[in-house]
Amino acid sequence: MRFAQIVMGPAGTGKSTYCSHLEKRAEASHRNIRIVNLDPAAETFNYEPLADVRELIQVEDVMEDEDLHLGPNGALLYCMEFLMDNLESWLLPAIGEQWDGDYLVFDCPGQIELYTHMDTMQRFVKQLQDWDFRLCGIYTIDAHFLTDGNKFIAGSLTALGTMINLEIPHMNILTKMDLLSKHDRKNIERFLEPDALELLNEEIETPWNKKFLKLSEALGKVLEDYSLVKYFPLDIRKESNMENLLLMADLVMGVSEDADVKVKDPPEEENQDDD
């Protein structure tokens, strides 16, 4: 049995930052967690990937192809389809054959349509499951964008679309909490255990809000009645915060002390001569 987190979300929401800090947290606790970059448009990230899709294909190369005539978004989607066609020939050798206890984290692109209504990531999930992976979806949302009822509904529906499309255990991470002011951090706490209808009632009455109030209330009621979307805050300054998120992902995937999870040997202490 192998384990993997699939880190998804809109562009700029801190997916790579989450991955790098998760790797550091794992290293500090002597756990062997490796990162795989699946973003063919990535420029830089603060981790050493086990495998990097840019070795297979890059967005810039596709955009420069005179026969394709693709822009940035179309080129990225082309790259992901190319990756799907080469999972067996490239990704599997890159991550190695199955070893019990492997724990990987897949750092994915920021094109939201990959997760909400296209079948690209569905096929990727199915392939990982065929390779005997237990999976957990990590969906990242920038805390700065979750500041009012309308944005809460919009972000929650996007997260919900991803959950429904992929059909795997799922966690929603509220990133960049460390960048919020004290006032904003206090204000955003109400979105962690939200009353969707109450948030909508706080909105300013505008022609738009009035016209679509019943639709917004219906969507809010679905989220409220079924508790479909919950958010977990991430402040990378707090080690305990990342440790708790890793623990929750472990529980979601069934990783336990009894599971055969690979760990790193702790560094040997230097022998000191007695005085």
Protein backbone atom coordinates (compact mmCIF):
# COMPACT_ATOMS: atom_id res chain seq x y z
CA MET A 1 0.00 0.00 0.00
CA ARG A 2 1.22 3.46 -0.95
CA PHE A 3 -0.15 6.82 0.16
CA ALA A 4 -0.45 10.13 -1.69
CA GLN A 5 -1.81 13.63 -1.29
CA ILE A 6 -3.02 15.35 -4.46
CA VAL A 7 -2.59 19.11 -3.88
CA MET A 8 -4.98 21.15 -6.03
CA GLY A 9 -6.51 24.61 -6.19
CA PRO A 10 -6.52 27.86 -8.16
CA ALA A 11 -3.26 29.47 -9.26
CA GLY A 12 -1.44 31.42 -6.58
CA THR A 13 -3.13 29.81 -3.59
CA GLY A 14 0.08 28.41 -2.09
CA LYS A 15 0.09 24.81 -3.31
CA SER A 16 3.89 24.60 -3.73
CA THR A 17 4.43 26.41 -0.42
CA TYR A 18 2.20 23.87 1.30
CA CYS A 19 4.16 21.03 -0.31
CA SER A 20 7.58 22.40 0.70
CA HIS A 21 6.54 23.00 4.32
CA LEU A 22 4.93 19.57 4.50
CA GLU A 23 8.20 18.01 3.33
CA LYS A 24 10.14 19.94 5.99
CA ARG A 25 7.68 18.91 8.70
CA ALA A 26 7.98 15.27 7.62
CA GLU A 27 11.77 15.46 7.61
CA ALA A 28 11.76 16.88 11.14
CA SER A 29 9.73 13.87 12.30
CA HIS A 30 11.91 11.44 10.25
CA ARG A 31 9.11 10.55 7.82
CA ASN A 32 10.00 9.87 4.21
CA ILE A 33 7.56 12.04 2.23
CA ARG A 34 8.57 13.00 -1.32
CA ILE A 35 7.11 15.66 -3.65
CA VAL A 36 6.24 15.19 -7.32
CA ASN A 37 5.81 18.34 -9.44
CA LEU A 38 2.98 17.95 -11.96
CA ASP A 39 2.84 21.61 -13.01
CA PRO A 40 4.43 21.98 -16.47
CA ALA A 41 4.28 25.79 -16.09
CA ALA A 42 6.07 25.95 -12.72
CA GLU A 43 8.99 28.35 -12.52
CA THR A 44 10.45 27.81 -9.05
CA PHE A 45 9.59 25.92 -5.89
CA ASN A 46 11.38 25.30 -2.60
CA TYR A 47 11.69 21.54 -2.67
CA GLU A 48 13.71 18.91 -4.52
CA PRO A 49 11.13 16.89 -6.48
CA LEU A 50 11.27 13.15 -6.73
CA ALA A 51 9.94 13.61 -10.26
CA ASP A 52 9.31 16.75 -12.33
CA VAL A 53 6.85 16.79 -15.23
CA ARG A 54 8.91 19.54 -16.89
CA GLU A 55 11.43 16.84 -17.76
CA LEU A 56 8.67 15.31 -19.90
CA ILE A 57 6.98 18.43 -21.30
CA GLN A 58 6.86 22.18 -20.61
CA VAL A 59 4.22 24.81 -21.33
CA GLU A 60 6.71 27.14 -23.03
CA ASP A 61 7.76 24.46 -25.50
CA VAL A 62 4.13 23.76 -26.41
CA MET A 63 3.38 27.47 -26.89
CA GLU A 64 6.37 27.81 -29.22
CA ASP A 65 5.19 24.93 -31.39
CA GLU A 66 4.15 26.52 -34.68
CA ASP A 67 1.77 23.69 -35.53
CA LEU A 68 -0.30 23.92 -32.33
CA HIS A 69 -0.80 27.70 -31.98
CA LEU A 70 -1.83 27.45 -28.31
CA GLY A 71 -1.90 30.11 -25.62
CA PRO A 72 -0.85 29.58 -21.98
CA ASN A 73 -4.09 27.93 -20.83
CA GLY A 74 -4.48 25.70 -23.88
CA ALA A 75 -0.80 24.75 -23.71
CA LEU A 76 -1.11 23.68 -20.08
CA LEU A 77 -4.15 21.53 -20.82
CA TYR A 78 -2.25 19.99 -23.73
CA CYS A 79 0.66 19.22 -21.40
CA MET A 80 -1.64 17.51 -18.89
CA GLU A 81 -3.19 15.36 -21.60
CA PHE A 82 0.31 14.46 -22.78
CA LEU A 83 1.17 13.48 -19.20
CA MET A 84 -1.94 11.28 -18.99
CA ASP A 85 -0.80 9.49 -22.14
CA ASN A 86 2.60 8.83 -20.57
CA LEU A 87 1.78 7.83 -17.01
CA GLU A 88 2.95 4.26 -17.49
CA SER A 89 6.03 5.13 -19.53
CA TRP A 90 7.22 8.21 -17.61
CA LEU A 91 5.58 8.72 -14.21
CA LEU A 92 5.68 5.14 -12.94
CA PRO A 93 9.43 4.71 -13.60
CA ALA A 94 10.03 8.20 -12.17
CA ILE A 95 8.36 7.44 -8.83
CA GLY A 96 9.54 3.85 -8.79
CA GLU A 97 7.70 0.57 -8.68
CA GLN A 98 5.43 -0.15 -5.74
CA TRP A 99 7.02 -0.19 -2.32
CA ASP A 100 4.84 -0.57 0.76
CA GLY A 101 4.77 2.59 2.84
CA ASP A 102 5.68 5.11 0.12
CA TYR A 103 4.16 8.54 0.80
CA LEU A 104 4.07 10.99 -2.11
CA VAL A 105 2.64 14.48 -2.53
CA PHE A 106 1.61 15.56 -6.05
CA ASP A 107 1.92 19.32 -6.60
CA CYS A 108 -0.64 20.00 -9.34
CA PRO A 109 -1.28 22.94 -11.74
CA GLY A 110 -3.57 25.87 -10.95
CA GLN A 111 -6.02 25.45 -13.86
CA ILE A 112 -9.30 25.02 -12.00
CA GLU A 113 -11.10 23.33 -14.89
CA LEU A 114 -8.81 20.32 -14.47
CA TYR A 115 -10.56 19.53 -11.19
CA THR A 116 -14.11 20.76 -11.57
CA HIS A 117 -15.45 19.51 -14.91
CA MET A 118 -12.73 17.89 -17.04
CA ASP A 119 -11.87 14.21 -16.65
CA THR A 120 -8.08 14.68 -16.73
CA MET A 121 -7.56 14.44 -12.97
CA GLN A 122 -10.24 11.76 -12.73
CA ARG A 123 -8.12 9.54 -14.96
CA PHE A 124 -5.02 10.42 -12.95
CA VAL A 125 -6.74 9.44 -9.71
CA LYS A 126 -7.96 6.17 -11.24
CA GLN A 127 -4.42 5.32 -12.38
CA LEU A 128 -2.95 5.97 -8.93
CA GLN A 129 -5.62 3.78 -7.38
CA ASP A 130 -4.76 1.04 -9.86
CA TRP A 131 -1.17 1.39 -8.63
CA ASP A 132 -2.45 0.66 -5.11
CA PHE A 133 -2.34 4.22 -3.76
CA ARG A 134 -4.58 5.43 -0.99
CA LEU A 135 -5.37 9.06 -1.79
CA CYS A 136 -6.32 12.30 -0.10
CA GLY A 137 -7.30 15.40 -2.07
CA ILE A 138 -5.95 18.69 -0.70
CA TYR A 139 -7.77 21.74 -2.07
CA THR A 140 -6.13 25.09 -1.29
CA ILE A 141 -7.97 28.42 -1.12
CA ASP A 142 -6.30 31.78 -0.39
CA ALA A 143 -7.66 33.18 2.88
CA HIS A 144 -7.65 36.68 1.37
CA PHE A 145 -10.45 35.72 -1.01
CA LEU A 146 -12.74 34.28 1.66
CA THR A 147 -13.86 37.57 3.16
CA ASP A 148 -17.61 37.74 2.55
CA GLY A 149 -20.65 35.55 1.99
CA ASN A 150 -20.62 35.71 -1.81
CA LYS A 151 -16.97 34.73 -2.05
CA PHE A 152 -17.51 31.99 0.51
CA ILE A 153 -20.30 30.47 -1.61
CA ALA A 154 -18.21 30.76 -4.80
CA GLY A 155 -15.10 29.21 -3.24
CA SER A 156 -17.12 26.48 -1.55
CA LEU A 157 -18.86 25.51 -4.80
CA THR A 158 -15.50 25.23 -6.55
CA ALA A 159 -14.19 23.03 -3.74
CA LEU A 160 -17.40 20.99 -3.84
CA GLY A 161 -17.11 20.54 -7.62
CA THR A 162 -13.61 19.14 -7.12
CA MET A 163 -14.80 16.77 -4.40
CA ILE A 164 -17.64 15.45 -6.56
CA ASN A 165 -15.50 15.15 -9.70
CA LEU A 166 -12.64 13.20 -8.11
CA GLU A 167 -14.59 11.12 -5.55
CA ILE A 168 -11.71 10.75 -3.09
CA PRO A 169 -11.32 11.74 0.59
CA HIS A 170 -10.87 15.50 0.64
CA MET A 171 -9.56 18.35 2.81
CA ASN A 172 -9.95 22.08 2.14
CA ILE A 173 -6.99 24.16 3.32
CA LEU A 174 -7.27 27.90 3.95
CA THR A 175 -3.78 29.09 3.02
CA LYS A 176 -1.78 32.28 3.67
CA MET A 177 -3.25 32.78 7.14
CA ASP A 178 0.17 34.10 8.17
CA LEU A 179 -0.27 37.05 5.78
CA LEU A 180 -3.56 38.25 7.26
CA SER A 181 -3.79 41.11 9.74
CA LYS A 182 -5.01 40.39 13.26
CA HIS A 183 -8.39 41.89 12.38
CA ASP A 184 -8.75 39.75 9.24
CA ARG A 185 -7.68 36.60 11.08
CA LYS A 186 -10.35 37.20 13.69
CA ASN A 187 -12.95 37.98 11.03
CA ILE A 188 -12.19 34.86 9.02
CA GLU A 189 -12.79 32.50 11.96
CA ARG A 190 -16.51 32.65 11.22
CA PHE A 191 -15.84 30.98 7.85
CA LEU A 192 -14.24 27.93 9.48
CA GLU A 193 -17.55 26.78 11.01
CA PRO A 194 -19.84 28.88 8.81
CA ASP A 195 -23.54 29.54 8.84
CA ALA A 196 -23.93 30.06 5.10
CA LEU A 197 -27.38 31.66 5.28
CA GLU A 198 -26.29 34.08 7.99
CA LEU A 199 -23.27 35.11 5.89
CA LEU A 200 -25.50 35.78 2.90
CA ASN A 201 -27.85 37.92 4.98
CA GLU A 202 -24.92 40.19 5.81
CA GLU A 203 -24.42 41.14 2.16
CA ILE A 204 -25.23 44.65 0.93
CA GLU A 205 -28.52 44.83 -0.95
CA THR A 206 -27.66 45.44 -4.59
CA PRO A 207 -29.73 44.71 -7.72
CA TRP A 208 -27.53 41.65 -8.36
CA ASN A 209 -27.87 40.30 -4.83
CA LYS A 210 -31.61 40.88 -4.84
CA LYS A 211 -32.11 39.14 -8.18
CA PHE A 212 -30.14 36.02 -7.25
CA LEU A 213 -30.92 35.92 -3.52
CA LYS A 214 -33.08 32.78 -3.74
CA LEU A 215 -30.41 30.96 -5.77
CA SER A 216 -27.70 31.98 -3.29
CA GLU A 217 -29.86 30.91 -0.34
CA ALA A 218 -30.55 27.53 -1.99
CA LEU A 219 -26.83 26.94 -2.51
CA GLY A 220 -26.09 28.07 1.04
CA LYS A 221 -28.76 25.73 2.39
CA VAL A 222 -27.17 22.76 0.58
CA LEU A 223 -23.79 23.57 2.12
CA GLU A 224 -25.35 24.16 5.53
CA ASP A 225 -27.67 21.14 5.69
CA TYR A 226 -25.15 18.57 4.50
CA SER A 227 -21.93 20.08 5.95
CA LEU A 228 -20.24 19.34 2.64
CA VAL A 229 -17.41 21.88 2.81
CA LYS A 230 -15.24 22.69 5.83
CA TYR A 231 -12.00 24.66 5.92
CA PHE A 232 -8.80 24.06 7.87
CA PRO A 233 -6.57 27.13 8.37
CA LEU A 234 -2.85 26.92 7.55
CA ASP A 235 -0.36 29.27 9.20
CA ILE A 236 3.08 28.10 8.04
CA ARG A 237 4.73 29.92 10.95
CA LYS A 238 3.25 27.39 13.36
CA GLU A 239 4.83 23.94 13.21
CA SER A 240 1.92 22.47 15.15
CA ASN A 241 -0.48 23.71 12.45
CA MET A 242 1.24 21.74 9.68
CA GLU A 243 1.66 18.76 12.00
CA ASN A 244 -2.09 18.71 12.68
CA LEU A 245 -2.90 18.91 8.96
CA LEU A 246 -0.54 16.00 8.27
CA LEU A 247 -2.20 14.03 11.06
CA MET A 248 -5.65 14.69 9.59
CA ALA A 249 -4.48 13.54 6.15
CA ASP A 250 -3.05 10.40 7.77
CA LEU A 251 -6.39 9.67 9.42
CA VAL A 252 -8.25 10.27 6.14
CA MET A 253 -6.03 7.76 4.30
CA GLY A 254 -5.85 5.26 7.15
CA VAL A 255 -2.18 5.79 7.89
CA SER A 256 -1.47 4.69 11.44
CA GLU A 257 1.37 3.59 13.66
CA ASP A 258 0.54 0.01 12.67
CA ALA A 259 0.88 0.78 8.95
CA ASP A 260 4.15 0.05 7.23
CA VAL A 261 5.07 3.67 6.47
CA LYS A 262 8.62 4.45 5.43
CA VAL A 263 10.57 6.54 7.89
CA LYS A 264 14.04 7.99 7.83
CA ASP A 265 16.60 6.85 10.35
CA PRO A 266 17.26 9.62 12.88
CA PRO A 267 20.74 11.14 12.68
CA GLU A 268 23.26 9.42 14.89
CA GLU A 269 24.42 11.45 17.87
CA GLU A 270 28.13 11.99 18.10
CA ASN A 271 29.81 10.08 20.87
CA GLN A 272 31.10 12.37 23.59
CA ASP A 273 33.99 11.40 25.78
CA ASP A 274 33.30 11.34 29.48
CA ASP A 275 35.07 14.01 31.52
